[in-house]
Amino acid sequence: MRLLVGEKAPWIVCLQETKLSAFDSSFVSSLWGNSSFNFSFRPSEGASGGLLIMWDTKEVEVWSSVSRTHFLLIHGRFVHSNEEFYLVNVYAPCGSRDKEALWGSLAAQLLLLRGKRVCVCGDFNAVRGRRKDAQLGEHRCKLIMLRLIHLLRILGCWIYRFSGGFLPSSKGMVPP
């Protein structure tokens, strides 16, 4: 992690499934690699979960951090442009009922931020390999993923795939 941060010099890094119940500055410093950082975290629940957001304090000023079950939200601004933002780091549970409860909780939070600059990132545990699809039922997995996509579209979010490109918008709008 430290080499990647050193090479890419990101302003913000989000980690999911840290599996750690506590963080301290020396541990986060070992990940970040320099002294101009701060962080917020949500501890793991047993052997799973755990979220960490780290940021470069020369570039990002964070005013508040909110920890909820399965997500961590920060609110702040980019120092040089003075642009305000919200960032939500998500680690979704594997169980479909727990996941649907998360979508409801996340939707309520995002509705409060409608019209603001918001980025949602994380591990949604929604795209699974065929083995896991078979365990839960391929139809059930696709249904859960479609609910997430529908929720994000209702909220006006653009969905970017790691493989590149945006998912088509239901409104036919062009992403920024």
N, C-alpha and C. Protein backbone atom coordinates (compact mmCIF):
# COMPACT_ATOMS: atom_id res chain seq x y z
N MET A 1 0.83 -1.18 0.00
CA MET A 1 0.00 0.00 0.00
C MET A 1 0.88 1.25 0.00
N ARG A 2 1.89 1.25 0.86
CA ARG A 2 2.74 2.44 0.98
C ARG A 2 3.42 2.77 -0.35
N LEU A 3 3.88 1.75 -1.07
CA LEU A 3 4.52 1.99 -2.37
C LEU A 3 3.52 2.58 -3.37
N LEU A 4 2.31 2.05 -3.38
CA LEU A 4 1.28 2.54 -4.28
C LEU A 4 0.93 3.99 -3.97
N VAL A 5 0.76 4.30 -2.69
CA VAL A 5 0.46 5.68 -2.29
C VAL A 5 1.62 6.59 -2.67
N GLY A 6 2.86 6.13 -2.44
CA GLY A 6 4.03 6.93 -2.80
C GLY A 6 4.12 7.18 -4.29
N GLU A 7 3.80 6.18 -5.09
CA GLU A 7 3.88 6.29 -6.55
C GLU A 7 2.76 7.15 -7.13
N LYS A 8 1.53 6.95 -6.67
CA LYS A 8 0.37 7.61 -7.27
C LYS A 8 0.02 8.94 -6.60
N ALA A 9 0.48 9.16 -5.37
CA ALA A 9 0.21 10.39 -4.61
C ALA A 9 -1.28 10.76 -4.59
N PRO A 10 -2.15 9.83 -4.16
CA PRO A 10 -3.59 10.13 -4.14
C PRO A 10 -3.91 11.15 -3.05
N TRP A 11 -5.01 11.83 -3.22
CA TRP A 11 -5.48 12.75 -2.18
C TRP A 11 -6.31 12.00 -1.15
N ILE A 12 -7.01 10.94 -1.62
CA ILE A 12 -7.88 10.15 -0.74
C ILE A 12 -7.73 8.67 -1.11
N VAL A 13 -7.69 7.81 -0.08
CA VAL A 13 -7.67 6.36 -0.29
C VAL A 13 -8.75 5.74 0.58
N CYS A 14 -9.55 4.85 0.00
CA CYS A 14 -10.59 4.13 0.73
C CYS A 14 -10.26 2.64 0.72
N LEU A 15 -10.28 2.04 1.89
CA LEU A 15 -10.06 0.60 2.01
C LEU A 15 -11.29 -0.05 2.62
N GLN A 16 -11.60 -1.26 2.15
CA GLN A 16 -12.71 -2.04 2.69
C GLN A 16 -12.17 -3.36 3.20
N GLU A 17 -12.94 -3.94 4.08
CA GLU A 17 -12.63 -5.24 4.68
C GLU A 17 -11.22 -5.26 5.28
N THR A 18 -10.96 -4.27 6.13
CA THR A 18 -9.66 -4.20 6.81
C THR A 18 -9.50 -5.31 7.83
N LYS A 19 -10.63 -5.80 8.36
CA LYS A 19 -10.65 -6.85 9.39
C LYS A 19 -9.93 -6.42 10.66
N LEU A 20 -9.87 -5.11 10.90
CA LEU A 20 -9.22 -4.57 12.09
C LEU A 20 -10.25 -3.89 12.98
N SER A 21 -10.13 -4.11 14.29
CA SER A 21 -11.08 -3.51 15.22
C SER A 21 -10.61 -2.14 15.71
N ALA A 22 -9.35 -1.78 15.46
CA ALA A 22 -8.84 -0.48 15.89
C ALA A 22 -7.71 -0.04 14.96
N PHE A 23 -7.53 1.27 14.86
CA PHE A 23 -6.45 1.87 14.08
C PHE A 23 -5.78 2.92 14.94
N ASP A 24 -4.49 3.13 14.73
CA ASP A 24 -3.82 4.25 15.37
C ASP A 24 -2.99 4.96 14.31
N SER A 25 -2.51 6.15 14.64
CA SER A 25 -1.78 6.97 13.68
C SER A 25 -0.53 6.29 13.15
N SER A 26 0.17 5.54 13.99
CA SER A 26 1.40 4.90 13.51
C SER A 26 1.09 3.82 12.48
N PHE A 27 0.00 3.06 12.67
CA PHE A 27 -0.37 2.05 11.69
C PHE A 27 -0.76 2.71 10.36
N VAL A 28 -1.59 3.75 10.43
CA VAL A 28 -2.03 4.42 9.21
C VAL A 28 -0.85 5.10 8.53
N SER A 29 0.08 5.64 9.31
CA SER A 29 1.28 6.25 8.76
C SER A 29 2.09 5.22 7.98
N SER A 30 2.12 3.98 8.45
CA SER A 30 2.85 2.93 7.73
C SER A 30 2.20 2.63 6.38
N LEU A 31 0.90 2.89 6.25
CA LEU A 31 0.21 2.73 4.97
C LEU A 31 0.38 3.96 4.08
N TRP A 32 0.27 5.14 4.70
CA TRP A 32 0.27 6.40 3.94
C TRP A 32 1.68 6.80 3.53
N GLY A 33 2.62 6.75 4.46
CA GLY A 33 4.00 6.99 4.11
C GLY A 33 4.54 8.40 4.31
N ASN A 34 3.71 9.37 4.64
CA ASN A 34 4.25 10.69 4.97
C ASN A 34 3.44 11.29 6.11
N SER A 35 3.83 12.44 6.56
CA SER A 35 3.20 12.99 7.77
C SER A 35 1.95 13.81 7.50
N SER A 36 1.68 14.16 6.26
CA SER A 36 0.51 15.01 5.99
C SER A 36 -0.72 14.17 5.66
N PHE A 37 -1.23 13.46 6.67
CA PHE A 37 -2.41 12.64 6.45
C PHE A 37 -3.30 12.70 7.69
N ASN A 38 -4.53 12.31 7.48
CA ASN A 38 -5.45 12.06 8.57
C ASN A 38 -6.33 10.91 8.12
N PHE A 39 -7.17 10.41 9.00
CA PHE A 39 -7.96 9.25 8.63
C PHE A 39 -9.21 9.15 9.49
N SER A 40 -10.14 8.35 9.00
CA SER A 40 -11.35 7.98 9.74
C SER A 40 -11.56 6.49 9.48
N PHE A 41 -12.12 5.80 10.48
CA PHE A 41 -12.31 4.37 10.30
C PHE A 41 -13.59 3.89 10.96
N ARG A 42 -14.04 2.75 10.47
CA ARG A 42 -15.12 1.99 11.10
C ARG A 42 -14.53 0.62 11.41
N PRO A 43 -14.56 0.22 12.68
CA PRO A 43 -13.95 -1.06 13.04
C PRO A 43 -14.70 -2.25 12.43
N SER A 44 -13.98 -3.35 12.32
CA SER A 44 -14.59 -4.58 11.82
C SER A 44 -15.58 -5.11 12.86
N GLU A 45 -16.46 -5.96 12.39
CA GLU A 45 -17.40 -6.64 13.27
C GLU A 45 -16.98 -8.10 13.28
N GLY A 46 -16.22 -8.48 14.28
CA GLY A 46 -15.66 -9.82 14.32
C GLY A 46 -14.55 -9.94 13.30
N ALA A 47 -14.62 -10.97 12.48
CA ALA A 47 -13.55 -11.22 11.51
C ALA A 47 -13.87 -10.65 10.13
N SER A 48 -14.93 -9.87 10.02
CA SER A 48 -15.24 -9.32 8.70
C SER A 48 -15.52 -7.83 8.81
N GLY A 49 -15.47 -7.19 7.65
CA GLY A 49 -15.75 -5.76 7.59
C GLY A 49 -14.55 -4.91 7.98
N GLY A 50 -14.84 -3.70 8.35
CA GLY A 50 -13.82 -2.72 8.68
C GLY A 50 -13.57 -1.80 7.49
N LEU A 51 -13.65 -0.50 7.74
CA LEU A 51 -13.47 0.50 6.69
C LEU A 51 -12.44 1.52 7.12
N LEU A 52 -11.68 2.03 6.16
CA LEU A 52 -10.68 3.06 6.43
C LEU A 52 -10.68 4.06 5.29
N ILE A 53 -10.73 5.34 5.63
CA ILE A 53 -10.54 6.41 4.65
C ILE A 53 -9.34 7.22 5.13
N MET A 54 -8.36 7.39 4.26
CA MET A 54 -7.17 8.19 4.56
C MET A 54 -7.13 9.34 3.55
N TRP A 55 -6.61 10.50 3.98
CA TRP A 55 -6.52 11.62 3.06
C TRP A 55 -5.28 12.46 3.34
N ASP A 56 -4.83 13.15 2.28
CA ASP A 56 -3.70 14.05 2.33
C ASP A 56 -4.20 15.39 2.85
N THR A 57 -3.74 15.79 4.02
CA THR A 57 -4.25 17.02 4.65
C THR A 57 -3.77 18.29 3.94
N LYS A 58 -2.81 18.19 3.03
CA LYS A 58 -2.40 19.35 2.22
C LYS A 58 -3.41 19.62 1.12
N GLU A 59 -4.15 18.58 0.74
CA GLU A 59 -5.09 18.68 -0.38
C GLU A 59 -6.55 18.61 0.03
N VAL A 60 -6.82 17.96 1.15
CA VAL A 60 -8.20 17.69 1.57
C VAL A 60 -8.40 18.11 3.02
N GLU A 61 -9.47 18.84 3.26
CA GLU A 61 -9.86 19.20 4.62
C GLU A 61 -11.18 18.49 4.92
N VAL A 62 -11.18 17.67 5.95
CA VAL A 62 -12.39 16.93 6.31
C VAL A 62 -12.99 17.58 7.54
N TRP A 63 -14.28 17.92 7.45
CA TRP A 63 -14.99 18.59 8.54
C TRP A 63 -15.68 17.61 9.46
N SER A 64 -16.17 16.52 8.88
CA SER A 64 -16.89 15.56 9.72
C SER A 64 -16.80 14.16 9.14
N SER A 65 -17.03 13.19 10.00
CA SER A 65 -17.02 11.79 9.62
C SER A 65 -18.19 11.12 10.33
N VAL A 66 -18.93 10.31 9.60
CA VAL A 66 -20.09 9.61 10.15
C VAL A 66 -19.91 8.11 9.88
N SER A 67 -20.02 7.32 10.93
CA SER A 67 -19.88 5.88 10.82
C SER A 67 -21.25 5.23 11.03
N ARG A 68 -21.68 4.44 10.05
CA ARG A 68 -22.93 3.69 10.13
C ARG A 68 -22.62 2.22 9.84
N THR A 69 -23.57 1.37 10.15
CA THR A 69 -23.39 -0.04 9.87
C THR A 69 -23.10 -0.22 8.38
N HIS A 70 -21.94 -0.73 8.06
CA HIS A 70 -21.50 -1.06 6.71
C HIS A 70 -21.09 0.12 5.84
N PHE A 71 -21.06 1.36 6.37
CA PHE A 71 -20.48 2.44 5.58
C PHE A 71 -19.92 3.55 6.47
N LEU A 72 -18.98 4.28 5.87
CA LEU A 72 -18.29 5.39 6.52
C LEU A 72 -18.36 6.58 5.57
N LEU A 73 -18.79 7.72 6.08
CA LEU A 73 -18.98 8.92 5.25
C LEU A 73 -18.10 10.04 5.77
N ILE A 74 -17.40 10.72 4.88
CA ILE A 74 -16.70 11.94 5.27
C ILE A 74 -17.26 13.12 4.47
N HIS A 75 -17.19 14.31 5.07
CA HIS A 75 -17.66 15.54 4.45
C HIS A 75 -16.54 16.56 4.58
N GLY A 76 -16.19 17.18 3.49
CA GLY A 76 -15.11 18.15 3.55
C GLY A 76 -15.01 18.96 2.27
N ARG A 77 -13.78 19.43 2.01
CA ARG A 77 -13.54 20.23 0.81
C ARG A 77 -12.13 19.96 0.30
N PHE A 78 -11.98 20.19 -1.01
CA PHE A 78 -10.65 20.15 -1.61
C PHE A 78 -10.02 21.52 -1.37
N VAL A 79 -8.86 21.54 -0.78
CA VAL A 79 -8.24 22.77 -0.29
C VAL A 79 -8.05 23.80 -1.40
N HIS A 80 -7.46 23.42 -2.52
CA HIS A 80 -7.10 24.41 -3.54
C HIS A 80 -8.28 24.92 -4.36
N SER A 81 -9.27 24.08 -4.61
CA SER A 81 -10.44 24.50 -5.40
C SER A 81 -11.59 24.96 -4.52
N ASN A 82 -11.52 24.66 -3.23
CA ASN A 82 -12.57 24.98 -2.27
C ASN A 82 -13.89 24.26 -2.56
N GLU A 83 -13.84 23.19 -3.36
CA GLU A 83 -15.04 22.43 -3.69
C GLU A 83 -15.41 21.51 -2.53
N GLU A 84 -16.66 21.60 -2.12
CA GLU A 84 -17.18 20.76 -1.03
C GLU A 84 -17.56 19.39 -1.60
N PHE A 85 -17.39 18.34 -0.80
CA PHE A 85 -17.72 17.00 -1.26
C PHE A 85 -18.15 16.13 -0.08
N TYR A 86 -18.78 15.02 -0.43
CA TYR A 86 -19.11 13.93 0.50
C TYR A 86 -18.56 12.66 -0.13
N LEU A 87 -17.98 11.80 0.67
CA LEU A 87 -17.46 10.54 0.19
C LEU A 87 -17.98 9.43 1.09
N VAL A 88 -18.56 8.40 0.48
CA VAL A 88 -19.12 7.28 1.23
C VAL A 88 -18.34 6.03 0.85
N ASN A 89 -17.73 5.39 1.84
CA ASN A 89 -16.98 4.14 1.66
C ASN A 89 -17.86 3.01 2.19
N VAL A 90 -18.16 2.04 1.34
CA VAL A 90 -19.13 0.99 1.66
C VAL A 90 -18.45 -0.38 1.69
N TYR A 91 -18.80 -1.17 2.68
CA TYR A 91 -18.49 -2.61 2.65
C TYR A 91 -19.79 -3.34 2.93
N ALA A 92 -20.37 -3.89 1.86
CA ALA A 92 -21.69 -4.53 1.97
C ALA A 92 -21.56 -5.93 2.55
N PRO A 93 -22.53 -6.32 3.36
CA PRO A 93 -22.55 -7.70 3.87
C PRO A 93 -22.88 -8.66 2.73
N CYS A 94 -22.61 -9.92 2.95
CA CYS A 94 -22.91 -10.93 1.92
C CYS A 94 -24.37 -11.36 1.94
N GLY A 95 -25.01 -11.38 3.11
CA GLY A 95 -26.39 -11.82 3.21
C GLY A 95 -27.35 -10.88 2.51
N SER A 96 -28.29 -11.44 1.76
CA SER A 96 -29.19 -10.61 0.96
C SER A 96 -30.08 -9.72 1.82
N ARG A 97 -30.58 -10.20 2.96
CA ARG A 97 -31.43 -9.35 3.82
C ARG A 97 -30.62 -8.20 4.41
N ASP A 98 -29.39 -8.50 4.87
CA ASP A 98 -28.52 -7.45 5.41
C ASP A 98 -28.15 -6.44 4.34
N LYS A 99 -27.93 -6.96 3.14
CA LYS A 99 -27.57 -6.08 2.03
C LYS A 99 -28.73 -5.15 1.68
N GLU A 100 -29.93 -5.69 1.66
CA GLU A 100 -31.09 -4.86 1.35
C GLU A 100 -31.32 -3.81 2.45
N ALA A 101 -31.05 -4.16 3.71
CA ALA A 101 -31.13 -3.18 4.80
C ALA A 101 -30.09 -2.08 4.59
N LEU A 102 -28.90 -2.45 4.14
CA LEU A 102 -27.86 -1.46 3.84
C LEU A 102 -28.31 -0.53 2.74
N TRP A 103 -28.88 -1.08 1.65
CA TRP A 103 -29.33 -0.21 0.55
C TRP A 103 -30.34 0.80 1.07
N GLY A 104 -31.25 0.37 1.97
CA GLY A 104 -32.23 1.30 2.53
C GLY A 104 -31.57 2.39 3.36
N SER A 105 -30.63 2.01 4.20
CA SER A 105 -29.91 2.97 5.04
C SER A 105 -29.08 3.92 4.19
N LEU A 106 -28.42 3.38 3.19
CA LEU A 106 -27.60 4.19 2.30
C LEU A 106 -28.47 5.14 1.49
N ALA A 107 -29.60 4.65 1.02
CA ALA A 107 -30.52 5.50 0.25
C ALA A 107 -30.99 6.68 1.09
N ALA A 108 -31.34 6.43 2.35
CA ALA A 108 -31.79 7.51 3.23
C ALA A 108 -30.69 8.56 3.39
N GLN A 109 -29.45 8.11 3.57
CA GLN A 109 -28.33 9.04 3.72
C GLN A 109 -28.09 9.83 2.44
N LEU A 110 -28.14 9.13 1.30
CA LEU A 110 -27.89 9.79 0.02
C LEU A 110 -29.01 10.75 -0.36
N LEU A 111 -30.24 10.45 0.03
CA LEU A 111 -31.34 11.37 -0.24
C LEU A 111 -31.13 12.71 0.48
N LEU A 112 -30.54 12.66 1.66
CA LEU A 112 -30.23 13.89 2.40
C LEU A 112 -29.16 14.72 1.67
N LEU A 113 -28.37 14.06 0.83
CA LEU A 113 -27.27 14.73 0.14
C LEU A 113 -27.58 15.02 -1.32
N ARG A 114 -28.81 14.80 -1.72
CA ARG A 114 -29.20 15.00 -3.12
C ARG A 114 -28.84 16.41 -3.56
N GLY A 115 -28.21 16.50 -4.73
CA GLY A 115 -27.79 17.79 -5.26
C GLY A 115 -26.39 18.21 -4.83
N LYS A 116 -25.78 17.46 -3.93
CA LYS A 116 -24.42 17.73 -3.47
C LYS A 116 -23.44 16.88 -4.27
N ARG A 117 -22.16 17.20 -4.17
CA ARG A 117 -21.12 16.37 -4.80
C ARG A 117 -20.85 15.17 -3.90
N VAL A 118 -21.24 13.99 -4.38
CA VAL A 118 -21.13 12.77 -3.59
C VAL A 118 -20.45 11.69 -4.41
N CYS A 119 -19.52 10.99 -3.79
CA CYS A 119 -18.89 9.83 -4.40
C CYS A 119 -19.13 8.64 -3.48
N VAL A 120 -19.65 7.55 -4.05
CA VAL A 120 -19.86 6.31 -3.30
C VAL A 120 -18.92 5.28 -3.88
N CYS A 121 -18.09 4.70 -3.02
CA CYS A 121 -17.14 3.69 -3.48
C CYS A 121 -17.18 2.52 -2.51
N GLY A 122 -16.59 1.41 -2.90
CA GLY A 122 -16.50 0.32 -1.96
C GLY A 122 -16.66 -1.05 -2.57
N ASP A 123 -16.88 -1.99 -1.68
CA ASP A 123 -17.10 -3.38 -2.03
C ASP A 123 -18.56 -3.67 -1.77
N PHE A 124 -19.33 -3.81 -2.85
CA PHE A 124 -20.78 -3.97 -2.72
C PHE A 124 -21.19 -5.43 -2.63
N ASN A 125 -20.24 -6.34 -2.76
CA ASN A 125 -20.52 -7.78 -2.70
C ASN A 125 -21.75 -8.13 -3.54
N ALA A 126 -21.83 -7.52 -4.72
CA ALA A 126 -23.00 -7.73 -5.56
C ALA A 126 -22.66 -8.47 -6.84
N VAL A 127 -21.45 -8.36 -7.30
CA VAL A 127 -21.04 -9.10 -8.48
C VAL A 127 -20.25 -10.28 -7.98
N ARG A 128 -20.75 -11.46 -8.22
CA ARG A 128 -20.16 -12.66 -7.65
C ARG A 128 -19.73 -13.62 -8.74
N GLY A 129 -18.85 -14.52 -8.36
CA GLY A 129 -18.45 -15.59 -9.27
C GLY A 129 -19.58 -16.61 -9.39
N ARG A 130 -19.48 -17.46 -10.37
CA ARG A 130 -20.55 -18.44 -10.60
C ARG A 130 -20.77 -19.36 -9.39
N ARG A 131 -19.71 -19.69 -8.66
CA ARG A 131 -19.86 -20.58 -7.50
C ARG A 131 -20.76 -19.91 -6.45
N LYS A 132 -20.50 -18.63 -6.15
CA LYS A 132 -21.33 -17.95 -5.15
C LYS A 132 -22.73 -17.71 -5.69
N ASP A 133 -22.84 -17.41 -7.01
CA ASP A 133 -24.16 -17.25 -7.60
C ASP A 133 -24.97 -18.52 -7.41
N ALA A 134 -24.35 -19.66 -7.59
CA ALA A 134 -25.06 -20.93 -7.45
C ALA A 134 -25.53 -21.14 -6.02
N GLN A 135 -24.73 -20.71 -5.04
CA GLN A 135 -25.12 -20.87 -3.64
C GLN A 135 -26.33 -20.01 -3.30
N LEU A 136 -26.35 -18.77 -3.73
CA LEU A 136 -27.46 -17.88 -3.42
C LEU A 136 -28.59 -17.96 -4.44
N GLY A 137 -28.26 -18.45 -5.58
CA GLY A 137 -29.23 -18.45 -6.67
C GLY A 137 -28.90 -17.28 -7.59
N GLU A 138 -28.58 -17.59 -8.82
CA GLU A 138 -28.15 -16.56 -9.77
C GLU A 138 -29.20 -15.46 -9.90
N HIS A 139 -30.48 -15.83 -9.94
CA HIS A 139 -31.55 -14.84 -10.07
C HIS A 139 -31.55 -13.88 -8.88
N ARG A 140 -31.39 -14.40 -7.66
CA ARG A 140 -31.38 -13.57 -6.44
C ARG A 140 -30.22 -12.57 -6.47
N CYS A 141 -29.03 -13.00 -6.90
CA CYS A 141 -27.86 -12.11 -6.98
C CYS A 141 -28.11 -10.99 -7.99
N LYS A 142 -28.65 -11.34 -9.14
CA LYS A 142 -28.93 -10.33 -10.16
C LYS A 142 -29.98 -9.35 -9.67
N LEU A 143 -30.99 -9.83 -8.96
CA LEU A 143 -32.04 -8.97 -8.43
C LEU A 143 -31.47 -7.96 -7.43
N ILE A 144 -30.59 -8.42 -6.54
CA ILE A 144 -29.98 -7.52 -5.56
C ILE A 144 -29.15 -6.46 -6.27
N MET A 145 -28.37 -6.85 -7.27
CA MET A 145 -27.55 -5.91 -8.01
C MET A 145 -28.42 -4.91 -8.75
N LEU A 146 -29.51 -5.37 -9.37
CA LEU A 146 -30.41 -4.46 -10.07
C LEU A 146 -31.05 -3.45 -9.11
N ARG A 147 -31.36 -3.88 -7.89
CA ARG A 147 -31.91 -2.94 -6.90
C ARG A 147 -30.90 -1.84 -6.57
N LEU A 148 -29.63 -2.22 -6.43
CA LEU A 148 -28.59 -1.23 -6.15
C LEU A 148 -28.46 -0.25 -7.32
N ILE A 149 -28.40 -0.77 -8.53
CA ILE A 149 -28.29 0.11 -9.71
C ILE A 149 -29.50 1.03 -9.80
N HIS A 150 -30.69 0.51 -9.57
CA HIS A 150 -31.90 1.32 -9.61
C HIS A 150 -31.86 2.43 -8.56
N LEU A 151 -31.45 2.09 -7.35
CA LEU A 151 -31.32 3.08 -6.27
C LEU A 151 -30.37 4.20 -6.67
N LEU A 152 -29.21 3.84 -7.20
CA LEU A 152 -28.22 4.85 -7.57
C LEU A 152 -28.72 5.73 -8.70
N ARG A 153 -29.44 5.15 -9.64
CA ARG A 153 -29.99 5.95 -10.75
C ARG A 153 -31.08 6.91 -10.26
N ILE A 154 -31.93 6.46 -9.35
CA ILE A 154 -32.97 7.34 -8.79
C ILE A 154 -32.32 8.55 -8.14
N LEU A 155 -31.19 8.31 -7.49
CA LEU A 155 -30.49 9.39 -6.80
C LEU A 155 -29.64 10.23 -7.75
N GLY A 156 -29.66 9.90 -9.05
CA GLY A 156 -28.91 10.68 -10.02
C GLY A 156 -27.43 10.36 -10.08
N CYS A 157 -27.06 9.18 -9.64
CA CYS A 157 -25.64 8.79 -9.61
C CYS A 157 -25.23 8.19 -10.96
N TRP A 158 -23.97 8.42 -11.30
CA TRP A 158 -23.37 7.75 -12.45
C TRP A 158 -22.64 6.53 -11.93
N ILE A 159 -22.73 5.45 -12.64
CA ILE A 159 -22.12 4.19 -12.20
C ILE A 159 -20.98 3.87 -13.15
N TYR A 160 -19.76 3.89 -12.62
CA TYR A 160 -18.57 3.62 -13.41
C TYR A 160 -18.08 2.20 -13.14
N ARG A 161 -17.83 1.44 -14.20
CA ARG A 161 -17.36 0.06 -14.07
C ARG A 161 -15.84 0.05 -13.99
N PHE A 162 -15.28 -0.87 -13.17
CA PHE A 162 -13.84 -1.01 -13.10
C PHE A 162 -13.27 -1.41 -14.45
N SER A 163 -14.06 -2.10 -15.27
CA SER A 163 -13.59 -2.50 -16.59
C SER A 163 -13.57 -1.33 -17.56
N GLY A 164 -14.08 -0.19 -17.11
CA GLY A 164 -14.06 1.02 -17.93
C GLY A 164 -15.44 1.40 -18.42
N GLY A 165 -15.70 2.67 -18.45
CA GLY A 165 -16.95 3.19 -18.99
C GLY A 165 -18.08 3.22 -17.98
N PHE A 166 -19.05 4.06 -18.27
CA PHE A 166 -20.22 4.21 -17.42
C PHE A 166 -21.30 3.23 -17.86
N LEU A 167 -22.10 2.77 -16.90
CA LEU A 167 -23.28 2.00 -17.26
C LEU A 167 -24.26 2.96 -17.91
N PRO A 168 -25.01 2.50 -18.90
CA PRO A 168 -25.97 3.41 -19.55
C PRO A 168 -26.97 3.96 -18.52
N SER A 169 -27.30 5.22 -18.69
CA SER A 169 -28.26 5.87 -17.80
C SER A 169 -29.66 5.59 -18.26
N SER A 170 -30.56 5.37 -17.31
CA SER A 170 -31.96 5.14 -17.66
C SER A 170 -32.60 6.41 -18.19
N LYS A 171 -31.99 7.56 -17.93
CA LYS A 171 -32.55 8.83 -18.38
C LYS A 171 -31.93 9.28 -19.69
N GLY A 172 -30.95 8.51 -20.20
CA GLY A 172 -30.32 8.86 -21.47
C GLY A 172 -29.37 10.05 -21.34
N MET A 173 -29.01 10.42 -20.12
CA MET A 173 -28.12 11.55 -19.92
C MET A 173 -26.67 11.12 -20.14
N VAL A 174 -25.84 12.05 -20.51
CA VAL A 174 -24.43 11.77 -20.74
C VAL A 174 -23.66 12.08 -19.46
N PRO A 175 -22.80 11.13 -18.99
CA PRO A 175 -22.03 11.39 -17.78
C PRO A 175 -21.05 12.53 -17.97
N PRO A 176 -20.63 13.16 -16.87
CA PRO A 176 -19.70 14.29 -16.97
C PRO A 176 -18.36 13.86 -17.53
